[in-house]
């Protein structure tokens, strides 16, 4: 099975449990990969034969904008659930990182691996 991936999509999200985190959106970084059968798309060279990257990105942004998330785990699970509902995928590896938590650390985050 082939995989499509998004590597290090940087954006912000309303998330966190501490008062200073609730004052402004927090910088996050999302990476994901999911399975796809790319043979049909490669043969016909047509966007409708594969998964549109813009639709994936729009889904990510819609989930992020939906609410304030207390935990990074909750945001990651919400993204995962929405991607499985909207797209014909059966495997997803998703990482969500908060990139401005500690001055002496690049990021903290979670990686989910889901199959259905």
PDB file of N, CA and C in Angstrom:
ATOM      1  N   UNK A   1       0.854  -1.189   0.000  1.00  0.00           N
ATOM      2  CA  UNK A   1       0.000   0.000   0.000  1.00  0.00           C
ATOM      3  C   UNK A   1       0.889   1.237   0.000  1.00  0.00           C
ATOM      4  N   UNK A   2       0.493   2.213  -0.758  1.00  0.00           N
ATOM      5  CA  UNK A   2       1.232   3.469  -0.854  1.00  0.00           C
ATOM      6  C   UNK A   2       0.788   4.403   0.268  1.00  0.00           C
ATOM      7  N   UNK A   3       1.584   5.431   0.510  1.00  0.00           N
ATOM      8  CA  UNK A   3       1.248   6.385   1.568  1.00  0.00           C
ATOM      9  C   UNK A   3       1.384   7.807   1.049  1.00  0.00           C
ATOM     10  N   UNK A   4       0.446   8.642   1.470  1.00  0.00           N
ATOM     11  CA  UNK A   4       0.540  10.088   1.277  1.00  0.00           C
ATOM     12  C   UNK A   4       0.917  10.658   2.634  1.00  0.00           C
ATOM     13  N   UNK A   5       1.762  11.671   2.636  1.00  0.00           N
ATOM     14  CA  UNK A   5       2.137  12.255   3.921  1.00  0.00           C
ATOM     15  C   UNK A   5       2.127  13.776   3.866  1.00  0.00           C
ATOM     16  N   UNK A   6       1.910  14.359   5.032  1.00  0.00           N
ATOM     17  CA  UNK A   6       2.035  15.791   5.269  1.00  0.00           C
ATOM     18  C   UNK A   6       3.120  15.914   6.333  1.00  0.00           C
ATOM     19  N   UNK A   7       4.138  16.663   6.062  1.00  0.00           N
ATOM     20  CA  UNK A   7       5.250  16.756   6.996  1.00  0.00           C
ATOM     21  C   UNK A   7       5.355  18.170   7.558  1.00  0.00           C
ATOM     22  N   UNK A   8       5.208  18.272   8.868  1.00  0.00           N
ATOM     23  CA  UNK A   8       5.440  19.501   9.630  1.00  0.00           C
ATOM     24  C   UNK A   8       4.583  20.692   9.175  1.00  0.00           C
ATOM     25  N   UNK A   9       3.275  20.484   9.182  1.00  0.00           N
ATOM     26  CA  UNK A   9       2.329  21.568   8.913  1.00  0.00           C
ATOM     27  C   UNK A   9       2.257  22.434  10.167  1.00  0.00           C
ATOM     28  N   UNK A  10       2.725  23.669  10.080  1.00  0.00           N
ATOM     29  CA  UNK A  10       2.776  24.567  11.226  1.00  0.00           C
ATOM     30  C   UNK A  10       1.586  25.513  11.204  1.00  0.00           C
ATOM     31  N   UNK A  11       0.895  25.561  12.345  1.00  0.00           N
ATOM     32  CA  UNK A  11      -0.278  26.418  12.487  1.00  0.00           C
ATOM     33  C   UNK A  11      -0.433  26.731  13.975  1.00  0.00           C
ATOM     34  N   UNK A  12      -1.568  27.271  14.349  1.00  0.00           N
ATOM     35  CA  UNK A  12      -1.846  27.517  15.762  1.00  0.00           C
ATOM     36  C   UNK A  12      -3.180  26.886  16.121  1.00  0.00           C
ATOM     37  N   UNK A  13      -3.340  26.615  17.420  1.00  0.00           N
ATOM     38  CA  UNK A  13      -4.589  26.032  17.917  1.00  0.00           C
ATOM     39  C   UNK A  13      -4.893  26.605  19.290  1.00  0.00           C
ATOM     40  N   UNK A  14      -6.187  26.730  19.546  1.00  0.00           N
ATOM     41  CA  UNK A  14      -6.613  27.135  20.889  1.00  0.00           C
ATOM     42  C   UNK A  14      -6.570  25.879  21.745  1.00  0.00           C
ATOM     43  N   UNK A  15      -5.541  25.787  22.581  1.00  0.00           N
ATOM     44  CA  UNK A  15      -5.409  24.591  23.395  1.00  0.00           C
ATOM     45  C   UNK A  15      -4.551  24.858  24.616  1.00  0.00           C
ATOM     46  N   UNK A  16      -4.790  24.038  25.623  1.00  0.00           N
ATOM     47  CA  UNK A  16      -4.009  24.107  26.846  1.00  0.00           C
ATOM     48  C   UNK A  16      -4.900  24.197  28.063  1.00  0.00           C
ATOM     49  N   UNK A  17      -4.333  23.820  29.202  1.00  0.00           N
ATOM     50  CA  UNK A  17      -5.095  23.820  30.449  1.00  0.00           C
ATOM     51  C   UNK A  17      -4.726  24.989  31.358  1.00  0.00           C
ATOM     52  N   UNK A  18      -3.596  25.607  31.110  1.00  0.00           N
ATOM     53  CA  UNK A  18      -3.133  26.672  31.988  1.00  0.00           C
ATOM     54  C   UNK A  18      -3.634  28.034  31.507  1.00  0.00           C
ATOM     55  N   UNK A  19      -3.847  28.969  32.437  1.00  0.00           N
ATOM     56  CA  UNK A  19      -4.387  30.285  32.063  1.00  0.00           C
ATOM     57  C   UNK A  19      -3.610  30.978  30.940  1.00  0.00           C
ATOM     58  N   UNK A  20      -2.284  30.928  30.975  1.00  0.00           N
ATOM     59  CA  UNK A  20      -1.510  31.608  29.924  1.00  0.00           C
ATOM     60  C   UNK A  20      -1.713  30.945  28.560  1.00  0.00           C
ATOM     61  N   UNK A  21      -2.054  29.655  28.532  1.00  0.00           N
ATOM     62  CA  UNK A  21      -2.306  28.963  27.268  1.00  0.00           C
ATOM     63  C   UNK A  21      -3.675  29.325  26.693  1.00  0.00           C
ATOM     64  N   UNK A  22      -4.572  29.730  27.562  1.00  0.00           N
ATOM     65  CA  UNK A  22      -5.929  30.059  27.123  1.00  0.00           C
ATOM     66  C   UNK A  22      -6.043  31.489  26.591  1.00  0.00           C
ATOM     67  N   UNK A  23      -5.017  32.295  26.790  1.00  0.00           N
ATOM     68  CA  UNK A  23      -5.057  33.693  26.357  1.00  0.00           C
ATOM     69  C   UNK A  23      -4.859  33.864  24.857  1.00  0.00           C
ATOM     70  N   UNK A  24      -4.121  32.957  24.250  1.00  0.00           N
ATOM     71  CA  UNK A  24      -3.810  33.097  22.821  1.00  0.00           C
ATOM     72  C   UNK A  24      -3.596  31.718  22.210  1.00  0.00           C
ATOM     73  N   UNK A  25      -3.832  31.587  20.917  1.00  0.00           N
ATOM     74  CA  UNK A  25      -3.573  30.300  20.257  1.00  0.00           C
ATOM     75  C   UNK A  25      -2.111  29.877  20.428  1.00  0.00           C
ATOM     76  N   UNK A  26      -1.919  28.585  20.554  1.00  0.00           N
ATOM     77  CA  UNK A  26      -0.592  28.006  20.759  1.00  0.00           C
ATOM     78  C   UNK A  26      -0.039  27.481  19.434  1.00  0.00           C
ATOM     79  N   UNK A  27       1.252  27.678  19.168  1.00  0.00           N
ATOM     80  CA  UNK A  27       1.829  27.111  17.946  1.00  0.00           C
ATOM     81  C   UNK A  27       1.893  25.586  18.033  1.00  0.00           C
ATOM     82  N   UNK A  28       1.492  24.937  16.956  1.00  0.00           N
ATOM     83  CA  UNK A  28       1.547  23.481  16.878  1.00  0.00           C
ATOM     84  C   UNK A  28       2.118  23.067  15.527  1.00  0.00           C
ATOM     85  N   UNK A  29       2.514  21.829  15.459  1.00  0.00           N
ATOM     86  CA  UNK A  29       3.024  21.258  14.221  1.00  0.00           C
ATOM     87  C   UNK A  29       2.381  19.883  14.045  1.00  0.00           C
ATOM     88  N   UNK A  30       1.841  19.637  12.864  1.00  0.00           N
ATOM     89  CA  UNK A  30       1.148  18.375  12.577  1.00  0.00           C
ATOM     90  C   UNK A  30       1.860  17.665  11.433  1.00  0.00           C
ATOM     91  N   UNK A  31       2.090  16.388  11.633  1.00  0.00           N
ATOM     92  CA  UNK A  31       2.586  15.520  10.563  1.00  0.00           C
ATOM     93  C   UNK A  31       1.661  14.324  10.496  1.00  0.00           C
ATOM     94  N   UNK A  32       1.418  13.847   9.290  1.00  0.00           N
ATOM     95  CA  UNK A  32       0.567  12.667   9.169  1.00  0.00           C
ATOM     96  C   UNK A  32       0.922  11.885   7.925  1.00  0.00           C
ATOM     97  N   UNK A  33       0.577  10.621   7.965  1.00  0.00           N
ATOM     98  CA  UNK A  33       0.663   9.784   6.772  1.00  0.00           C
ATOM     99  C   UNK A  33      -0.508   8.818   6.805  1.00  0.00           C
ATOM    100  N   UNK A  34      -1.008   8.510   5.624  1.00  0.00           N
ATOM    101  CA  UNK A  34      -2.128   7.585   5.521  1.00  0.00           C
ATOM    102  C   UNK A  34      -1.972   6.775   4.254  1.00  0.00           C
ATOM    103  N   UNK A  35      -2.619   5.621   4.258  1.00  0.00           N
ATOM    104  CA  UNK A  35      -2.495   4.734   3.106  1.00  0.00           C
ATOM    105  C   UNK A  35      -3.410   5.169   1.973  1.00  0.00           C
ATOM    106  N   UNK A  36      -2.955   4.866   0.771  1.00  0.00           N
ATOM    107  CA  UNK A  36      -3.728   5.169  -0.427  1.00  0.00           C
ATOM    108  C   UNK A  36      -3.236   4.237  -1.533  1.00  0.00           C
ATOM    109  N   UNK A  37      -4.140   3.838  -2.378  1.00  0.00           N
ATOM    110  CA  UNK A  37      -3.741   3.078  -3.558  1.00  0.00           C
ATOM    111  C   UNK A  37      -3.531   4.095  -4.672  1.00  0.00           C
ATOM    112  N   UNK A  38      -2.291   4.409  -4.957  1.00  0.00           N
ATOM    113  CA  UNK A  38      -1.999   5.483  -5.913  1.00  0.00           C
ATOM    114  C   UNK A  38      -1.921   5.006  -7.360  1.00  0.00           C
ATOM    115  N   UNK A  39      -2.076   3.728  -7.578  1.00  0.00           N
ATOM    116  CA  UNK A  39      -1.919   3.194  -8.933  1.00  0.00           C
ATOM    117  C   UNK A  39      -2.934   3.797  -9.915  1.00  0.00           C
ATOM    118  N   UNK A  40      -4.201   3.881  -9.500  1.00  0.00           N
ATOM    119  CA  UNK A  40      -5.229   4.430 -10.387  1.00  0.00           C
ATOM    120  C   UNK A  40      -4.933   5.892 -10.714  1.00  0.00           C
ATOM    121  N   UNK A  41      -4.577   6.664  -9.702  1.00  0.00           N
ATOM    122  CA  UNK A  41      -4.268   8.075  -9.929  1.00  0.00           C
ATOM    123  C   UNK A  41      -3.059   8.226 -10.847  1.00  0.00           C
ATOM    124  N   UNK A  42      -2.066   7.381 -10.650  1.00  0.00           N
ATOM    125  CA  UNK A  42      -0.869   7.450 -11.488  1.00  0.00           C
ATOM    126  C   UNK A  42      -1.182   7.093 -12.942  1.00  0.00           C
ATOM    127  N   UNK A  43      -2.068   6.137 -13.126  1.00  0.00           N
ATOM    128  CA  UNK A  43      -2.416   5.711 -14.493  1.00  0.00           C
ATOM    129  C   UNK A  43      -3.228   6.759 -15.251  1.00  0.00           C
ATOM    130  N   UNK A  44      -4.195   7.368 -14.565  1.00  0.00           N
ATOM    131  CA  UNK A  44      -5.080   8.309 -15.267  1.00  0.00           C
ATOM    132  C   UNK A  44      -4.689   9.770 -15.068  1.00  0.00           C
ATOM    133  N   UNK A  45      -3.752  10.033 -14.142  1.00  0.00           N
ATOM    134  CA  UNK A  45      -3.259  11.389 -13.902  1.00  0.00           C
ATOM    135  C   UNK A  45      -4.398  12.362 -13.609  1.00  0.00           C
ATOM    136  N   UNK A  46      -5.323  11.913 -12.747  1.00  0.00           N
ATOM    137  CA  UNK A  46      -6.509  12.720 -12.439  1.00  0.00           C
ATOM    138  C   UNK A  46      -6.669  12.875 -10.929  1.00  0.00           C
ATOM    139  N   UNK A  47      -6.906  14.091 -10.494  1.00  0.00           N
ATOM    140  CA  UNK A  47      -7.066  14.383  -9.076  1.00  0.00           C
ATOM    141  C   UNK A  47      -8.202  13.587  -8.448  1.00  0.00           C
ATOM    142  N   UNK A  48      -9.300  13.410  -9.171  1.00  0.00           N
ATOM    143  CA  UNK A  48     -10.451  12.702  -8.604  1.00  0.00           C
ATOM    144  C   UNK A  48     -10.161  11.220  -8.339  1.00  0.00           C
ATOM    145  N   UNK A  49      -9.020  10.721  -8.798  1.00  0.00           N
ATOM    146  CA  UNK A  49      -8.649   9.322  -8.569  1.00  0.00           C
ATOM    147  C   UNK A  49      -7.802   9.142  -7.308  1.00  0.00           C
ATOM    148  N   UNK A  50      -7.605  10.230  -6.587  1.00  0.00           N
ATOM    149  CA  UNK A  50      -6.814  10.149  -5.360  1.00  0.00           C
ATOM    150  C   UNK A  50      -7.434  11.057  -4.303  1.00  0.00           C
ATOM    151  N   UNK A  51      -6.726  11.270  -3.221  1.00  0.00           N
ATOM    152  CA  UNK A  51      -7.207  12.148  -2.153  1.00  0.00           C
ATOM    153  C   UNK A  51      -6.587  13.530  -2.354  1.00  0.00           C
ATOM    154  N   UNK A  52      -7.437  14.535  -2.395  1.00  0.00           N
ATOM    155  CA  UNK A  52      -7.025  15.917  -2.630  1.00  0.00           C
ATOM    156  C   UNK A  52      -6.342  16.475  -1.373  1.00  0.00           C
ATOM    157  N   UNK A  53      -5.102  16.905  -1.507  1.00  0.00           N
ATOM    158  CA  UNK A  53      -4.359  17.450  -0.370  1.00  0.00           C
ATOM    159  C   UNK A  53      -5.066  18.651   0.252  1.00  0.00           C
ATOM    160  N   UNK A  54      -5.674  19.482  -0.588  1.00  0.00           N
ATOM    161  CA  UNK A  54      -6.383  20.656  -0.067  1.00  0.00           C
ATOM    162  C   UNK A  54      -7.530  20.257   0.852  1.00  0.00           C
ATOM    163  N   UNK A  55      -8.206  19.171   0.532  1.00  0.00           N
ATOM    164  CA  UNK A  55      -9.304  18.710   1.383  1.00  0.00           C
ATOM    165  C   UNK A  55      -8.788  18.199   2.726  1.00  0.00           C
ATOM    166  N   UNK A  56      -7.643  17.547   2.714  1.00  0.00           N
ATOM    167  CA  UNK A  56      -7.033  17.107   3.977  1.00  0.00           C
ATOM    168  C   UNK A  56      -6.682  18.326   4.821  1.00  0.00           C
ATOM    169  N   UNK A  57      -6.002  19.289   4.212  1.00  0.00           N
ATOM    170  CA  UNK A  57      -5.604  20.491   4.947  1.00  0.00           C
ATOM    171  C   UNK A  57      -6.823  21.245   5.470  1.00  0.00           C
ATOM    172  N   UNK A  58      -7.865  21.356   4.677  1.00  0.00           N
ATOM    173  CA  UNK A  58      -9.098  22.023   5.119  1.00  0.00           C
ATOM    174  C   UNK A  58      -9.724  21.298   6.302  1.00  0.00           C
ATOM    175  N   UNK A  59      -9.681  19.982   6.279  1.00  0.00           N
ATOM    176  CA  UNK A  59     -10.213  19.199   7.397  1.00  0.00           C
ATOM    177  C   UNK A  59      -9.404  19.461   8.662  1.00  0.00           C
ATOM    178  N   UNK A  60      -8.090  19.462   8.541  1.00  0.00           N
ATOM    179  CA  UNK A  60      -7.243  19.763   9.701  1.00  0.00           C
ATOM    180  C   UNK A  60      -7.601  21.123  10.292  1.00  0.00           C
ATOM    181  N   UNK A  61      -7.680  22.135   9.441  1.00  0.00           N
ATOM    182  CA  UNK A  61      -7.970  23.486   9.918  1.00  0.00           C
ATOM    183  C   UNK A  61      -9.359  23.595  10.535  1.00  0.00           C
ATOM    184  N   UNK A  62     -10.336  22.900   9.970  1.00  0.00           N
ATOM    185  CA  UNK A  62     -11.699  22.939  10.521  1.00  0.00           C
ATOM    186  C   UNK A  62     -11.751  22.301  11.905  1.00  0.00           C
ATOM    187  N   UNK A  63     -11.084  21.185  12.079  1.00  0.00           N
ATOM    188  CA  UNK A  63     -11.066  20.515  13.391  1.00  0.00           C
ATOM    189  C   UNK A  63     -10.351  21.398  14.411  1.00  0.00           C
ATOM    190  N   UNK A  64      -9.229  21.965  14.028  1.00  0.00           N
ATOM    191  CA  UNK A  64      -8.471  22.831  14.934  1.00  0.00           C
ATOM    192  C   UNK A  64      -9.308  24.033  15.363  1.00  0.00           C
ATOM    193  N   UNK A  65     -10.047  24.626  14.439  1.00  0.00           N
ATOM    194  CA  UNK A  65     -10.822  25.840  14.723  1.00  0.00           C
ATOM    195  C   UNK A  65     -12.109  25.573  15.495  1.00  0.00           C
ATOM    196  N   UNK A  66     -12.534  24.335  15.554  1.00  0.00           N
ATOM    197  CA  UNK A  66     -13.845  23.996  16.115  1.00  0.00           C
ATOM    198  C   UNK A  66     -14.006  24.389  17.580  1.00  0.00           C
ATOM    199  N   UNK A  67     -12.950  24.247  18.384  1.00  0.00           N
ATOM    200  CA  UNK A  67     -13.103  24.475  19.824  1.00  0.00           C
ATOM    201  C   UNK A  67     -11.745  24.700  20.471  1.00  0.00           C
ATOM    202  N   UNK A  68     -11.781  25.057  21.749  1.00  0.00           N
ATOM    203  CA  UNK A  68     -10.569  25.071  22.566  1.00  0.00           C
ATOM    204  C   UNK A  68     -10.376  23.649  23.079  1.00  0.00           C
ATOM    205  N   UNK A  69      -9.209  23.107  22.843  1.00  0.00           N
ATOM    206  CA  UNK A  69      -8.886  21.757  23.307  1.00  0.00           C
ATOM    207  C   UNK A  69      -8.016  21.871  24.553  1.00  0.00           C
ATOM    208  N   UNK A  70      -8.404  21.193  25.614  1.00  0.00           N
ATOM    209  CA  UNK A  70      -7.592  21.178  26.830  1.00  0.00           C
ATOM    210  C   UNK A  70      -6.290  20.420  26.585  1.00  0.00           C
ATOM    211  N   UNK A  71      -6.410  19.260  25.949  1.00  0.00           N
ATOM    212  CA  UNK A  71      -5.272  18.357  25.796  1.00  0.00           C
ATOM    213  C   UNK A  71      -4.912  18.140  24.333  1.00  0.00           C
ATOM    214  N   UNK A  72      -3.645  17.972  24.080  1.00  0.00           N
ATOM    215  CA  UNK A  72      -3.161  17.659  22.746  1.00  0.00           C
ATOM    216  C   UNK A  72      -3.704  16.299  22.294  1.00  0.00           C
ATOM    217  N   UNK A  73      -3.903  15.394  23.247  1.00  0.00           N
ATOM    218  CA  UNK A  73      -4.466  14.079  22.929  1.00  0.00           C
ATOM    219  C   UNK A  73      -5.880  14.198  22.364  1.00  0.00           C
ATOM    220  N   UNK A  74      -6.655  15.120  22.904  1.00  0.00           N
ATOM    221  CA  UNK A  74      -8.027  15.321  22.439  1.00  0.00           C
ATOM    222  C   UNK A  74      -8.042  15.870  21.016  1.00  0.00           C
ATOM    223  N   UNK A  75      -7.180  16.828  20.741  1.00  0.00           N
ATOM    224  CA  UNK A  75      -7.079  17.372  19.384  1.00  0.00           C
ATOM    225  C   UNK A  75      -6.650  16.288  18.402  1.00  0.00           C
ATOM    226  N   UNK A  76      -5.647  15.511  18.758  1.00  0.00           N
ATOM    227  CA  UNK A  76      -5.165  14.452  17.861  1.00  0.00           C
ATOM    228  C   UNK A  76      -6.267  13.440  17.565  1.00  0.00           C
ATOM    229  N   UNK A  77      -7.011  13.049  18.570  1.00  0.00           N
ATOM    230  CA  UNK A  77      -8.091  12.079  18.359  1.00  0.00           C
ATOM    231  C   UNK A  77      -9.196  12.675  17.491  1.00  0.00           C
ATOM    232  N   UNK A  78      -9.518  13.945  17.690  1.00  0.00           N
ATOM    233  CA  UNK A  78     -10.544  14.600  16.866  1.00  0.00           C
ATOM    234  C   UNK A  78     -10.108  14.663  15.399  1.00  0.00           C
ATOM    235  N   UNK A  79      -8.851  14.974  15.162  1.00  0.00           N
ATOM    236  CA  UNK A  79      -8.338  14.986  13.788  1.00  0.00           C
ATOM    237  C   UNK A  79      -8.445  13.597  13.184  1.00  0.00           C
ATOM    238  N   UNK A  80      -8.000  12.595  13.920  1.00  0.00           N
ATOM    239  CA  UNK A  80      -8.042  11.211  13.440  1.00  0.00           C
ATOM    240  C   UNK A  80      -9.461  10.794  13.070  1.00  0.00           C
ATOM    241  N   UNK A  81     -10.398  11.027  13.963  1.00  0.00           N
ATOM    242  CA  UNK A  81     -11.794  10.638  13.707  1.00  0.00           C
ATOM    243  C   UNK A  81     -12.341  11.321  12.458  1.00  0.00           C
ATOM    244  N   UNK A  82     -12.049  12.595  12.292  1.00  0.00           N
ATOM    245  CA  UNK A  82     -12.552  13.324  11.121  1.00  0.00           C
ATOM    246  C   UNK A  82     -11.930  12.837   9.824  1.00  0.00           C
ATOM    247  N   UNK A  83     -10.653  12.533   9.834  1.00  0.00           N
ATOM    248  CA  UNK A  83     -10.011  12.027   8.619  1.00  0.00           C
ATOM    249  C   UNK A  83     -10.580  10.672   8.218  1.00  0.00           C
ATOM    250  N   UNK A  84     -10.814   9.792   9.191  1.00  0.00           N
ATOM    251  CA  UNK A  84     -11.397   8.484   8.870  1.00  0.00           C
ATOM    252  C   UNK A  84     -12.831   8.612   8.354  1.00  0.00           C
ATOM    253  N   UNK A  85     -13.575   9.577   8.863  1.00  0.00           N
ATOM    254  CA  UNK A  85     -14.957   9.774   8.403  1.00  0.00           C
ATOM    255  C   UNK A  85     -15.016  10.333   6.982  1.00  0.00           C
ATOM    256  N   UNK A  86     -14.104  11.237   6.649  1.00  0.00           N
ATOM    257  CA  UNK A  86     -14.191  11.963   5.376  1.00  0.00           C
ATOM    258  C   UNK A  86     -13.471  11.316   4.207  1.00  0.00           C
ATOM    259  N   UNK A  87     -12.485  10.467   4.489  1.00  0.00           N
ATOM    260  CA  UNK A  87     -11.632   9.975   3.409  1.00  0.00           C
ATOM    261  C   UNK A  87     -11.518   8.453   3.438  1.00  0.00           C
ATOM    262  N   UNK A  88     -11.292   7.851   2.277  1.00  0.00           N
ATOM    263  CA  UNK A  88     -11.207   6.388   2.190  1.00  0.00           C
ATOM    264  C   UNK A  88      -9.823   5.878   2.613  1.00  0.00           C
ATOM    265  N   UNK A  89      -9.550   5.990   3.906  1.00  0.00           N
ATOM    266  CA  UNK A  89      -8.274   5.519   4.437  1.00  0.00           C
ATOM    267  C   UNK A  89      -8.542   4.437   5.476  1.00  0.00           C
ATOM    268  N   UNK A  90      -7.585   3.550   5.657  1.00  0.00           N
ATOM    269  CA  UNK A  90      -7.733   2.513   6.681  1.00  0.00           C
ATOM    270  C   UNK A  90      -6.551   2.504   7.644  1.00  0.00           C
ATOM    271  N   UNK A  91      -5.567   3.358   7.398  1.00  0.00           N
ATOM    272  CA  UNK A  91      -4.397   3.478   8.272  1.00  0.00           C
ATOM    273  C   UNK A  91      -4.022   4.949   8.366  1.00  0.00           C
ATOM    274  N   UNK A  92      -3.710   5.388   9.590  1.00  0.00           N
ATOM    275  CA  UNK A  92      -3.291   6.771   9.805  1.00  0.00           C
ATOM    276  C   UNK A  92      -2.229   6.809  10.890  1.00  0.00           C
ATOM    277  N   UNK A  93      -1.149   7.502  10.604  1.00  0.00           N
ATOM    278  CA  UNK A  93      -0.149   7.840  11.620  1.00  0.00           C
ATOM    279  C   UNK A  93      -0.155   9.357  11.712  1.00  0.00           C
ATOM    280  N   UNK A  94      -0.452   9.877  12.888  1.00  0.00           N
ATOM    281  CA  UNK A  94      -0.650  11.310  13.088  1.00  0.00           C
ATOM    282  C   UNK A  94       0.166  11.778  14.284  1.00  0.00           C
ATOM    283  N   UNK A  95       0.959  12.811  14.083  1.00  0.00           N
ATOM    284  CA  UNK A  95       1.711  13.428  15.177  1.00  0.00           C
ATOM    285  C   UNK A  95       1.266  14.875  15.325  1.00  0.00           C
ATOM    286  N   UNK A  96       1.019  15.278  16.567  1.00  0.00           N
ATOM    287  CA  UNK A  96       0.695  16.668  16.881  1.00  0.00           C
ATOM    288  C   UNK A  96       1.682  17.111  17.954  1.00  0.00           C
ATOM    289  N   UNK A  97       2.357  18.222  17.697  1.00  0.00           N
ATOM    290  CA  UNK A  97       3.354  18.738  18.627  1.00  0.00           C
ATOM    291  C   UNK A  97       3.017  20.169  19.029  1.00  0.00           C
ATOM    292  N   UNK A  98       3.216  20.459  20.301  1.00  0.00           N
ATOM    293  CA  UNK A  98       3.195  21.842  20.776  1.00  0.00           C
ATOM    294  C   UNK A  98       4.648  22.304  20.759  1.00  0.00           C
ATOM    295  N   UNK A  99       4.912  23.377  20.034  1.00  0.00           N
ATOM    296  CA  UNK A  99       6.297  23.755  19.764  1.00  0.00           C
ATOM    297  C   UNK A  99       6.828  24.910  20.613  1.00  0.00           C
ATOM    298  N   UNK A 100       6.033  25.430  21.515  1.00  0.00           N
ATOM    299  CA  UNK A 100       6.498  26.565  22.328  1.00  0.00           C
ATOM    300  C   UNK A 100       6.256  26.332  23.818  1.00  0.00           C
ATOM    301  N   UNK A 101       6.374  25.097  24.252  1.00  0.00           N
ATOM    302  CA  UNK A 101       6.120  24.788  25.657  1.00  0.00           C
ATOM    303  C   UNK A 101       7.333  25.104  26.526  1.00  0.00           C
ATOM    304  N   UNK A 102       8.490  24.602  26.110  1.00  0.00           N
ATOM    305  CA  UNK A 102       9.709  24.770  26.897  1.00  0.00           C
ATOM    306  C   UNK A 102      10.788  25.431  26.044  1.00  0.00           C
ATOM    307  N   UNK A 103      11.524  26.350  26.642  1.00  0.00           N
ATOM    308  CA  UNK A 103      12.580  27.042  25.901  1.00  0.00           C
ATOM    309  C   UNK A 103      13.764  26.132  25.582  1.00  0.00           C
ATOM    310  N   UNK A 104      13.927  25.068  26.346  1.00  0.00           N
ATOM    311  CA  UNK A 104      15.061  24.171  26.129  1.00  0.00           C
ATOM    312  C   UNK A 104      14.671  22.876  25.418  1.00  0.00           C
ATOM    313  N   UNK A 105      13.508  22.886  24.768  1.00  0.00           N
ATOM    314  CA  UNK A 105      13.020  21.685  24.086  1.00  0.00           C
ATOM    315  C   UNK A 105      12.313  22.103  22.803  1.00  0.00           C
ATOM    316  N   UNK A 106      12.554  21.380  21.732  1.00  0.00           N
ATOM    317  CA  UNK A 106      11.934  21.717  20.448  1.00  0.00           C
ATOM    318  C   UNK A 106      10.419  21.560  20.488  1.00  0.00           C
ATOM    319  N   UNK A 107       9.934  20.478  21.085  1.00  0.00           N
ATOM    320  CA  UNK A 107       8.486  20.231  21.089  1.00  0.00           C
ATOM    321  C   UNK A 107       8.137  19.106  22.055  1.00  0.00           C
ATOM    322  N   UNK A 108       6.868  19.090  22.435  1.00  0.00           N
ATOM    323  CA  UNK A 108       6.272  17.934  23.109  1.00  0.00           C
ATOM    324  C   UNK A 108       5.046  17.557  22.290  1.00  0.00           C
ATOM    325  N   UNK A 109       4.713  16.290  22.275  1.00  0.00           N
ATOM    326  CA  UNK A 109       3.577  15.909  21.443  1.00  0.00           C
ATOM    327  C   UNK A 109       3.150  14.477  21.620  1.00  0.00           C
ATOM    328  N   UNK A 110       2.310  14.067  20.699  1.00  0.00           N
ATOM    329  CA  UNK A 110       1.764  12.718  20.703  1.00  0.00           C
ATOM    330  C   UNK A 110       1.742  12.198  19.268  1.00  0.00           C
ATOM    331  N   UNK A 111       1.931  10.908  19.131  1.00  0.00           N
ATOM    332  CA  UNK A 111       1.767  10.239  17.847  1.00  0.00           C
ATOM    333  C   UNK A 111       0.708   9.164  18.013  1.00  0.00           C
ATOM    334  N   UNK A 112      -0.323   9.234  17.186  1.00  0.00           N
ATOM    335  CA  UNK A 112      -1.374   8.215  17.164  1.00  0.00           C
ATOM    336  C   UNK A 112      -1.174   7.338  15.940  1.00  0.00           C
ATOM    337  N   UNK A 113      -1.424   6.064  16.095  1.00  0.00           N
ATOM    338  CA  UNK A 113      -1.479   5.149  14.959  1.00  0.00           C
ATOM    339  C   UNK A 113      -2.834   4.471  15.034  1.00  0.00           C
ATOM    340  N   UNK A 114      -3.628   4.656  13.989  1.00  0.00           N
ATOM    341  CA  UNK A 114      -4.988   4.111  13.963  1.00  0.00           C
ATOM    342  C   UNK A 114      -5.194   3.303  12.692  1.00  0.00           C
ATOM    343  N   UNK A 115      -5.923   2.209  12.835  1.00  0.00           N
ATOM    344  CA  UNK A 115      -6.297   1.378  11.694  1.00  0.00           C
ATOM    345  C   UNK A 115      -7.757   0.998  11.830  1.00  0.00           C
ATOM    346  N   UNK A 116      -8.409   0.865  10.709  1.00  0.00           N
ATOM    347  CA  UNK A 116      -9.785   0.363  10.752  1.00  0.00           C
ATOM    348  C   UNK A 116     -10.025  -0.565   9.590  1.00  0.00           C
TER     349      UNK A 116
END
